[in-house]
PDB file of N, CA and C in Angstrom:
ATOM      1  N   MET A   1      15.423 -32.483  -8.979  1.00  0.00           N
ATOM      2  CA  MET A   1      15.528 -31.294  -8.794  1.00  0.00           C
ATOM      3  C   MET A   1      14.228 -30.580  -8.355  1.00  0.00           C
ATOM      4  N   THR A   2      14.175 -29.685  -7.172  1.00  0.00           N
ATOM      5  CA  THR A   2      12.960 -28.962  -6.991  1.00  0.00           C
ATOM      6  C   THR A   2      13.119 -27.376  -7.219  1.00  0.00           C
ATOM      7  N   SER A   3      11.782 -26.797  -7.300  1.00  0.00           N
ATOM      8  CA  SER A   3      11.832 -25.431  -8.670  1.00  0.00           C
ATOM      9  C   SER A   3      11.521 -24.737  -6.922  1.00  0.00           C
ATOM     10  N   LYS A   4      12.260 -23.371  -7.282  1.00  0.00           N
ATOM     11  CA  LYS A   4      11.823 -22.706  -5.824  1.00  0.00           C
ATOM     12  C   LYS A   4      10.434 -21.816  -6.250  1.00  0.00           C
ATOM     13  N   TYR A   5       9.677 -22.347  -7.102  1.00  0.00           N
ATOM     14  CA  TYR A   5       8.545 -21.334  -7.854  1.00  0.00           C
ATOM     15  C   TYR A   5       7.509 -22.377  -7.759  1.00  0.00           C
ATOM     16  N   SER A   6       6.529 -21.980  -7.357  1.00  0.00           N
ATOM     17  CA  SER A   6       5.093 -22.336  -7.201  1.00  0.00           C
ATOM     18  C   SER A   6       4.517 -22.731  -8.557  1.00  0.00           C
ATOM     19  N   THR A   7       4.029 -24.143  -8.473  1.00  0.00           N
ATOM     20  CA  THR A   7       3.789 -24.452 -10.287  1.00  0.00           C
ATOM     21  C   THR A   7       2.377 -24.456 -10.347  1.00  0.00           C
ATOM     22  N   SER A   8       1.379 -23.897  -8.699  1.00  0.00           N
ATOM     23  CA  SER A   8       0.385 -23.725  -8.634  1.00  0.00           C
ATOM     24  C   SER A   8      -0.111 -22.904  -9.668  1.00  0.00           C
ATOM     25  N   ASN A   9      -1.788 -22.924  -9.775  1.00  0.00           N
ATOM     26  CA  ASN A   9      -2.113 -21.363 -10.710  1.00  0.00           C
ATOM     27  C   ASN A   9      -2.946 -20.938  -9.601  1.00  0.00           C
ATOM     28  N   PRO A  10      -2.139 -19.320  -9.230  1.00  0.00           N
ATOM     29  CA  PRO A  10      -2.768 -18.168  -8.829  1.00  0.00           C
ATOM     30  C   PRO A  10      -4.637 -18.091  -8.614  1.00  0.00           C
ATOM     31  N   PHE A  11      -4.815 -17.801 -10.236  1.00  0.00           N
ATOM     32  CA  PHE A  11      -6.769 -18.207 -10.336  1.00  0.00           C
ATOM     33  C   PHE A  11      -7.282 -19.357  -9.726  1.00  0.00           C
ATOM     34  N   ASP A  12      -6.423 -20.360  -9.136  1.00  0.00           N
ATOM     35  CA  ASP A  12      -7.323 -21.696  -8.655  1.00  0.00           C
ATOM     36  C   ASP A  12      -8.076 -21.041  -7.240  1.00  0.00           C
ATOM     37  N   ASP A  13      -9.374 -21.507  -7.183  1.00  0.00           N
ATOM     38  CA  ASP A  13      -9.876 -21.001  -6.334  1.00  0.00           C
ATOM     39  C   ASP A  13      -9.614 -21.975  -5.145  1.00  0.00           C
ATOM     40  N   GLY A  14      -8.911 -22.625  -5.334  1.00  0.00           N
ATOM     41  CA  GLY A  14      -8.278 -24.098  -3.915  1.00  0.00           C
ATOM     42  C   GLY A  14      -7.167 -23.703  -3.637  1.00  0.00           C
ATOM     43  N   ASP A  15      -6.522 -22.843  -3.883  1.00  0.00           N
ATOM     44  CA  ASP A  15      -4.873 -21.839  -3.428  1.00  0.00           C
ATOM     45  C   ASP A  15      -5.857 -21.486  -2.490  1.00  0.00           C
ATOM     46  N   GLU A  16      -5.852 -21.468  -1.626  1.00  0.00           N
ATOM     47  CA  GLU A  16      -6.132 -21.117  -0.240  1.00  0.00           C
ATOM     48  C   GLU A  16      -4.666 -19.465   0.314  1.00  0.00           C
ATOM     49  N   ASP A  17      -3.380 -20.320  -0.128  1.00  0.00           N
ATOM     50  CA  ASP A  17      -2.386 -19.076   0.683  1.00  0.00           C
ATOM     51  C   ASP A  17      -1.977 -18.080  -0.972  1.00  0.00           C
ATOM     52  N   ALA A  18      -2.406 -18.610  -1.922  1.00  0.00           N
ATOM     53  CA  ALA A  18      -2.297 -17.636  -2.739  1.00  0.00           C
ATOM     54  C   ALA A  18      -2.431 -15.771  -2.814  1.00  0.00           C
ATOM     55  N   PRO A  19      -1.305 -15.476  -2.944  1.00  0.00           N
ATOM     56  CA  PRO A  19      -1.730 -13.670  -2.662  1.00  0.00           C
ATOM     57  C   PRO A  19      -2.521 -12.981  -3.691  1.00  0.00           C
ATOM     58  N   TRP A  20      -3.553 -13.404  -3.537  1.00  0.00           N
ATOM     59  CA  TRP A  20      -4.036 -12.652  -4.980  1.00  0.00           C
ATOM     60  C   TRP A  20      -5.590 -12.487  -4.065  1.00  0.00           C
ATOM     61  N   GLY A  21      -6.383 -11.355  -4.566  1.00  0.00           N
ATOM     62  CA  GLY A  21      -7.300 -10.916  -3.762  1.00  0.00           C
ATOM     63  C   GLY A  21      -7.407  -9.986  -2.904  1.00  0.00           C
ATOM     64  N   LEU A  22      -8.527  -9.351  -2.534  1.00  0.00           N
ATOM     65  CA  LEU A  22      -8.553  -8.843  -0.765  1.00  0.00           C
ATOM     66  C   LEU A  22      -8.099  -9.134   0.288  1.00  0.00           C
ATOM     67  N   PRO A  23      -7.601  -8.397   0.949  1.00  0.00           N
ATOM     68  CA  PRO A  23      -6.712  -9.006   2.339  1.00  0.00           C
ATOM     69  C   PRO A  23      -8.241  -9.630   3.350  1.00  0.00           C
ATOM     70  N   SER A  24      -8.129 -10.730   3.749  1.00  0.00           N
ATOM     71  CA  SER A  24      -9.265 -10.577   5.410  1.00  0.00           C
ATOM     72  C   SER A  24      -8.487  -9.525   6.280  1.00  0.00           C
ATOM     73  N   PRO A  25     -10.316  -9.377   6.678  1.00  0.00           N
ATOM     74  CA  PRO A  25     -10.497  -7.844   8.271  1.00  0.00           C
ATOM     75  C   PRO A  25      -9.157  -7.680   8.564  1.00  0.00           C
ATOM     76  N   GLY A  26      -8.205  -8.910   9.361  1.00  0.00           N
ATOM     77  CA  GLY A  26      -7.571  -8.967  10.316  1.00  0.00           C
ATOM     78  C   GLY A  26      -6.007  -8.998   9.606  1.00  0.00           C
ATOM     79  N   VAL A  27      -5.886  -9.250   8.758  1.00  0.00           N
ATOM     80  CA  VAL A  27      -4.835  -8.878   7.606  1.00  0.00           C
ATOM     81  C   VAL A  27      -4.106  -8.026   7.779  1.00  0.00           C
ATOM     82  N   LEU A  28      -4.601  -6.923   7.633  1.00  0.00           N
ATOM     83  CA  LEU A  28      -4.328  -5.388   7.297  1.00  0.00           C
ATOM     84  C   LEU A  28      -3.139  -4.907   8.363  1.00  0.00           C
ATOM     85  N   PRO A  29      -1.842  -4.098   7.780  1.00  0.00           N
ATOM     86  CA  PRO A  29      -0.890  -4.124   8.474  1.00  0.00           C
ATOM     87  C   PRO A  29      -2.498  -2.532   9.643  1.00  0.00           C
ATOM     88  N   PRO A  30      -1.690  -2.343  11.131  1.00  0.00           N
ATOM     89  CA  PRO A  30      -2.231  -1.235  11.823  1.00  0.00           C
ATOM     90  C   PRO A  30      -2.598   0.013  11.388  1.00  0.00           C
ATOM     91  N   GLY A  31      -1.547   0.944  10.169  1.00  0.00           N
ATOM     92  CA  GLY A  31      -2.008   2.049   9.752  1.00  0.00           C
ATOM     93  C   GLY A  31      -2.998   2.000   8.406  1.00  0.00           C
ATOM     94  N   ASP A  32      -2.999   0.824   8.028  1.00  0.00           N
ATOM     95  CA  ASP A  32      -3.900   1.047   6.587  1.00  0.00           C
ATOM     96  C   ASP A  32      -5.042   0.771   6.709  1.00  0.00           C
ATOM     97  N   GLY A  33      -5.870   0.300   8.188  1.00  0.00           N
ATOM     98  CA  GLY A  33      -7.308  -0.014   8.665  1.00  0.00           C
ATOM     99  C   GLY A  33      -7.470   1.492   9.035  1.00  0.00           C
ATOM    100  N   ASP A  34      -6.464   2.927   9.481  1.00  0.00           N
ATOM    101  CA  ASP A  34      -7.393   4.389   9.498  1.00  0.00           C
ATOM    102  C   ASP A  34      -7.170   4.757   8.386  1.00  0.00           C
ATOM    103  N   LEU A  35      -6.765   4.264   7.466  1.00  0.00           N
ATOM    104  CA  LEU A  35      -6.402   4.848   5.893  1.00  0.00           C
ATOM    105  C   LEU A  35      -7.443   4.621   5.229  1.00  0.00           C
ATOM    106  N   ILE A  36      -8.220   3.548   5.500  1.00  0.00           N
ATOM    107  CA  ILE A  36      -9.488   3.258   4.349  1.00  0.00           C
ATOM    108  C   ILE A  36     -10.664   3.720   5.493  1.00  0.00           C
ATOM    109  N   GLN A  37     -10.535   3.438   6.676  1.00  0.00           N
ATOM    110  CA  GLN A  37     -11.571   4.767   7.579  1.00  0.00           C
ATOM    111  C   GLN A  37     -11.971   5.737   7.699  1.00  0.00           C
ATOM    112  N   ASN A  38      -9.938   6.592   7.255  1.00  0.00           N
ATOM    113  CA  ASN A  38     -10.607   7.732   6.345  1.00  0.00           C
ATOM    114  C   ASN A  38     -10.954   8.040   5.616  1.00  0.00           C
ATOM    115  N   ALA A  39     -11.095   7.356   4.419  1.00  0.00           N
ATOM    116  CA  ALA A  39     -11.402   7.481   2.624  1.00  0.00           C
ATOM    117  C   ALA A  39     -12.740   7.326   3.024  1.00  0.00           C
ATOM    118  N   LEU A  40     -13.177   6.878   3.602  1.00  0.00           N
ATOM    119  CA  LEU A  40     -14.523   6.282   4.093  1.00  0.00           C
ATOM    120  C   LEU A  40     -15.115   7.422   4.675  1.00  0.00           C
ATOM    121  N   LYS A  41     -14.641   7.936   5.243  1.00  0.00           N
ATOM    122  CA  LYS A  41     -15.147   9.268   6.640  1.00  0.00           C
ATOM    123  C   LYS A  41     -15.586  10.204   5.420  1.00  0.00           C
ATOM    124  N   LYS A  42     -14.127  10.428   4.425  1.00  0.00           N
ATOM    125  CA  LYS A  42     -14.013  11.151   3.781  1.00  0.00           C
ATOM    126  C   LYS A  42     -15.267  11.583   2.758  1.00  0.00           C
ATOM    127  N   GLU A  43     -14.951  10.511   1.983  1.00  0.00           N
ATOM    128  CA  GLU A  43     -16.562   9.909   0.889  1.00  0.00           C
ATOM    129  C   GLU A  43     -17.436  10.375   1.276  1.00  0.00           C
ATOM    130  N   LYS A  44     -18.046  10.139   3.140  1.00  0.00           N
ATOM    131  CA  LYS A  44     -19.248  10.552   3.261  1.00  0.00           C
ATOM    132  C   LYS A  44     -19.773  11.537   3.921  1.00  0.00           C
ATOM    133  N   LEU A  45     -18.418  12.726   4.061  1.00  0.00           N
ATOM    134  CA  LEU A  45     -18.357  14.148   4.272  1.00  0.00           C
ATOM    135  C   LEU A  45     -18.637  15.026   3.028  1.00  0.00           C
ATOM    136  N   VAL A  46     -17.969  14.389   2.067  1.00  0.00           N
ATOM    137  CA  VAL A  46     -17.925  14.659   0.369  1.00  0.00           C
ATOM    138  C   VAL A  46     -19.265  14.696   0.000  1.00  0.00           C
ATOM    139  N   SER A  47     -20.165  13.567   0.617  1.00  0.00           N
ATOM    140  CA  SER A  47     -21.204  13.550  -0.460  1.00  0.00           C
ATOM    141  C   SER A  47     -22.285  14.692   0.644  1.00  0.00           C
ATOM    142  N   GLU A  48     -21.717  14.469   1.969  1.00  0.00           N
ATOM    143  CA  GLU A  48     -22.677  15.154   3.293  1.00  0.00           C
ATOM    144  C   GLU A  48     -22.781  16.715   2.431  1.00  0.00           C
ATOM    145  N   VAL A  49     -21.314  17.332   1.862  1.00  0.00           N
ATOM    146  CA  VAL A  49     -21.503  18.885   1.827  1.00  0.00           C
ATOM    147  C   VAL A  49     -22.175  18.761  -0.010  1.00  0.00           C
ATOM    148  N   VAL A  50     -22.143  17.784  -1.250  1.00  0.00           N
ATOM    149  CA  VAL A  50     -22.606  18.159  -2.301  1.00  0.00           C
ATOM    150  C   VAL A  50     -24.122  17.699  -1.947  1.00  0.00           C
ATOM    151  N   ALA A  51     -24.625  17.276  -1.138  1.00  0.00           N
ATOM    152  CA  ALA A  51     -26.058  17.097  -0.416  1.00  0.00           C
ATOM    153  C   ALA A  51     -26.797  18.785  -0.089  1.00  0.00           C
ATOM    154  N   GLN A  52     -25.570  18.798   0.697  1.00  0.00           N
ATOM    155  CA  GLN A  52     -26.254  20.560   1.500  1.00  0.00           C
ATOM    156  C   GLN A  52     -25.880  21.658   0.624  1.00  0.00           C
ATOM    157  N   GLN A  53     -25.038  21.216  -0.563  1.00  0.00           N
ATOM    158  CA  GLN A  53     -24.728  22.790  -1.610  1.00  0.00           C
ATOM    159  C   GLN A  53     -26.211  22.619  -2.230  1.00  0.00           C
ATOM    160  N   GLU A  54     -26.701  21.461  -3.143  1.00  0.00           N
ATOM    161  CA  GLU A  54     -27.697  20.874  -3.756  1.00  0.00           C
ATOM    162  C   GLU A  54     -28.872  21.915  -2.772  1.00  0.00           C
ATOM    163  N   GLY A  55     -28.924  21.748  -1.791  1.00  0.00           N
ATOM    164  CA  GLY A  55     -30.387  22.285  -0.632  1.00  0.00           C
ATOM    165  C   GLY A  55     -30.025  23.618  -0.796  1.00  0.00           C
ATOM    166  N   LEU A  56     -28.870  24.194  -0.805  1.00  0.00           N
ATOM    167  CA  LEU A  56     -28.239  25.552  -0.883  1.00  0.00           C
ATOM    168  C   LEU A  56     -28.732  26.179  -2.224  1.00  0.00           C
ATOM    169  N   ARG A  57     -28.569  25.650  -3.368  1.00  0.00           N
ATOM    170  CA  ARG A  57     -28.819  26.177  -4.560  1.00  0.00           C
ATOM    171  C   ARG A  57     -30.265  26.159  -4.948  1.00  0.00           C
ATOM    172  N   ALA A  58     -31.171  25.348  -3.871  1.00  0.00           N
ATOM    173  CA  ALA A  58     -33.214  25.339  -4.015  1.00  0.00           C
ATOM    174  C   ALA A  58     -33.297  26.177  -3.477  1.00  0.00           C
ATOM    175  N   LEU A  59     -32.930  26.737  -1.994  1.00  0.00           N
ATOM    176  CA  LEU A  59     -33.452  27.566  -1.704  1.00  0.00           C
ATOM    177  C   LEU A  59     -33.319  29.182  -2.130  1.00  0.00           C
ATOM    178  N   VAL A  60     -31.647  29.224  -2.638  1.00  0.00           N
ATOM    179  CA  VAL A  60     -31.197  30.804  -3.430  1.00  0.00           C
ATOM    180  C   VAL A  60     -32.781  30.570  -4.332  1.00  0.00           C
ATOM    181  N   ALA A  61     -33.019  29.593  -5.507  1.00  0.00           N
ATOM    182  CA  ALA A  61     -33.846  29.216  -6.402  1.00  0.00           C
ATOM    183  C   ALA A  61     -35.194  29.941  -5.983  1.00  0.00           C
ATOM    184  N   LYS A  62     -35.369  29.310  -5.072  1.00  0.00           N
ATOM    185  CA  LYS A  62     -36.498  30.269  -4.173  1.00  0.00           C
ATOM    186  C   LYS A  62     -36.983  31.378  -3.778  1.00  0.00           C
ATOM    187  N   ILE A  63     -35.265  31.743  -3.202  1.00  0.00           N
ATOM    188  CA  ILE A  63     -34.813  33.528  -3.070  1.00  0.00           C
ATOM    189  C   ILE A  63     -35.596  34.105  -3.763  1.00  0.00           C
ATOM    190  N   LYS A  64     -34.645  33.698  -4.767  1.00  0.00           N
ATOM    191  CA  LYS A  64     -35.130  34.107  -6.021  1.00  0.00           C
ATOM    192  C   LYS A  64     -36.778  34.780  -6.937  1.00  0.00           C
ATOM    193  N   THR A  65     -37.181  33.425  -6.893  1.00  0.00           N
ATOM    194  CA  THR A  65     -38.247  33.593  -7.020  1.00  0.00           C
ATOM    195  C   THR A  65     -39.350  34.271  -6.568  1.00  0.00           C
ATOM    196  N   VAL A  66     -39.626  34.395  -5.395  1.00  0.00           N
ATOM    197  CA  VAL A  66     -40.182  34.931  -4.014  1.00  0.00           C
ATOM    198  C   VAL A  66     -39.580  36.780  -4.168  1.00  0.00           C
ATOM    199  N   GLN A  67     -38.060  36.647  -4.173  1.00  0.00           N
ATOM    200  CA  GLN A  67     -37.727  38.182  -5.385  1.00  0.00           C
ATOM    201  C   GLN A  67     -38.275  38.615  -5.835  1.00  0.00           C
ATOM    202  N   ALA A  68     -38.452  38.306  -7.477  1.00  0.00           N
ATOM    203  CA  ALA A  68     -39.147  38.752  -7.954  1.00  0.00           C
ATOM    204  C   ALA A  68     -40.708  38.975  -7.835  1.00  0.00           C
ATOM    205  N   GLU A  69     -41.272  38.251  -6.970  1.00  0.00           N
ATOM    206  CA  GLU A  69     -42.552  38.540  -6.305  1.00  0.00           C
ATOM    207  C   GLU A  69     -42.909  39.173  -6.382  1.00  0.00           C
ATOM    208  N   THR A  70     -42.212  39.338  -4.979  1.00  0.00           N
ATOM    209  CA  THR A  70     -42.043  40.883  -4.089  1.00  0.00           C
ATOM    210  C   THR A  70     -41.719  41.989  -5.055  1.00  0.00           C
ATOM    211  N   ASP A  71     -40.909  41.786  -5.932  1.00  0.00           N
ATOM    212  CA  ASP A  71     -40.517  43.354  -6.559  1.00  0.00           C
ATOM    213  C   ASP A  71     -41.750  43.773  -8.037  1.00  0.00           C
ATOM    214  N   LYS A  72     -42.250  42.547  -8.094  1.00  0.00           N
ATOM    215  CA  LYS A  72     -43.788  42.575  -9.196  1.00  0.00           C
ATOM    216  C   LYS A  72     -44.968  43.040  -8.647  1.00  0.00           C
ATOM    217  N   LEU A  73     -45.254  42.197  -7.480  1.00  0.00           N
ATOM    218  CA  LEU A  73     -46.414  43.676  -6.432  1.00  0.00           C
ATOM    219  C   LEU A  73     -46.122  45.121  -5.822  1.00  0.00           C
ATOM    220  N   ALA A  74     -44.946  44.793  -5.631  1.00  0.00           N
ATOM    221  CA  ALA A  74     -44.384  46.208  -4.947  1.00  0.00           C
ATOM    222  C   ALA A  74     -44.993  47.471  -5.974  1.00  0.00           C
ATOM    223  N   LYS A  75     -44.492  46.821  -7.290  1.00  0.00           N
ATOM    224  CA  LYS A  75     -44.700  47.695  -8.061  1.00  0.00           C
ATOM    225  C   LYS A  75     -46.691  47.804  -9.087  1.00  0.00           C
ATOM    226  N   GLU A  76     -46.671  46.276  -8.510  1.00  0.00           N
ATOM    227  CA  GLU A  76     -48.508  46.703  -8.975  1.00  0.00           C
ATOM    228  C   GLU A  76     -49.124  47.745  -7.663  1.00  0.00           C
ATOM    229  N   ASN A  77     -48.632  47.431  -6.224  1.00  0.00           N
ATOM    230  CA  ASN A  77     -49.333  48.567  -5.230  1.00  0.00           C
ATOM    231  C   ASN A  77     -48.830  49.614  -5.549  1.00  0.00           C
ATOM    232  N   ALA A  78     -47.703  49.841  -6.545  1.00  0.00           N
ATOM    233  CA  ALA A  78     -47.432  51.803  -6.451  1.00  0.00           C
ATOM    234  C   ALA A  78     -48.302  51.762  -7.669  1.00  0.00           C
ATOM    235  N   VAL A  79     -48.469  51.409  -8.933  1.00  0.00           N
ATOM    236  CA  VAL A  79     -49.762  52.072  -9.675  1.00  0.00           C
ATOM    237  C   VAL A  79     -51.136  52.074  -8.934  1.00  0.00           C
ATOM    238  N   LEU A  80     -51.101  50.839  -7.787  1.00  0.00           N
ATOM    239  CA  LEU A  80     -52.651  51.582  -7.332  1.00  0.00           C
ATOM    240  C   LEU A  80     -52.706  52.672  -6.419  1.00  0.00           C
ATOM    241  N   ASP A  81     -52.029  52.772  -6.209  1.00  0.00           N
ATOM    242  CA  ASP A  81     -51.249  53.973  -5.129  1.00  0.00           C
ATOM    243  C   ASP A  81     -51.854  54.962  -6.133  1.00  0.00           C
ATOM    244  N   GLN A  82     -51.199  55.678  -7.222  1.00  0.00           N
ATOM    245  CA  GLN A  82     -51.116  56.226  -7.987  1.00  0.00           C
ATOM    246  C   GLN A  82     -52.757  56.416  -8.349  1.00  0.00           C
ATOM    247  N   TYR A  83     -53.127  55.691  -8.849  1.00  0.00           N
ATOM    248  CA  TYR A  83     -54.652  55.248  -9.495  1.00  0.00           C
ATOM    249  C   TYR A  83     -55.173  55.925  -8.361  1.00  0.00           C
ATOM    250  N   ILE A  84     -55.013  55.286  -6.838  1.00  0.00           N
ATOM    251  CA  ILE A  84     -56.132  55.869  -5.775  1.00  0.00           C
ATOM    252  C   ILE A  84     -55.776  57.462  -5.573  1.00  0.00           C
ATOM    253  N   ALA A  85     -54.543  58.025  -5.597  1.00  0.00           N
ATOM    254  CA  ALA A  85     -54.441  59.413  -5.397  1.00  0.00           C
ATOM    255  C   ALA A  85     -55.059  59.785  -6.524  1.00  0.00           C
ATOM    256  N   ASN A  86     -55.317  59.563  -7.848  1.00  0.00           N
ATOM    257  CA  ASN A  86     -56.251  60.197  -9.035  1.00  0.00           C
ATOM    258  C   ASN A  86     -57.419  60.311  -8.506  1.00  0.00           C
ATOM    259  N   LEU A  87     -57.793  59.278  -8.204  1.00  0.00           N
ATOM    260  CA  LEU A  87     -59.727  59.547  -7.635  1.00  0.00           C
ATOM    261  C   LEU A  87     -59.240  60.000  -6.695  1.00  0.00           C
ATOM    262  N   ALA A  88     -58.802  59.989  -5.562  1.00  0.00           N
ATOM    263  CA  ALA A  88     -58.924  61.419  -4.514  1.00  0.00           C
ATOM    264  C   ALA A  88     -58.897  62.524  -5.090  1.00  0.00           C
ATOM    265  N   LYS A  89     -58.283  63.287  -6.412  1.00  0.00           N
ATOM    266  CA  LYS A  89     -58.354  64.791  -6.627  1.00  0.00           C
ATOM    267  C   LYS A  89     -59.419  64.409  -7.086  1.00  0.00           C
ATOM    268  N   ARG A  90     -60.254  64.040  -7.474  1.00  0.00           N
ATOM    269  CA  ARG A  90     -61.306  64.466  -8.513  1.00  0.00           C
ATOM    270  C   ARG A  90     -62.476  64.767  -7.503  1.00  0.00           C
TER     271      ARG A  90
END
């Protein structure tokens, strides 16, 4: 009597017909390749967006630094203007 179940070890490297592991590139159904490609594209876009966000954060930090320096210089200019005005009155 023969068994309808396979007696081969599914983890045996010699068993080429075992349904274990990743499918070969040409074995996927037509729609599955599109899903994988879409997932890869989405992952790439997400990483690009994250990189752009980091760049924007760096630019915002630089803008805040420059704005603080500009405000400081404006205050110093106001003090110098007042000093010059006081000297001119003498």
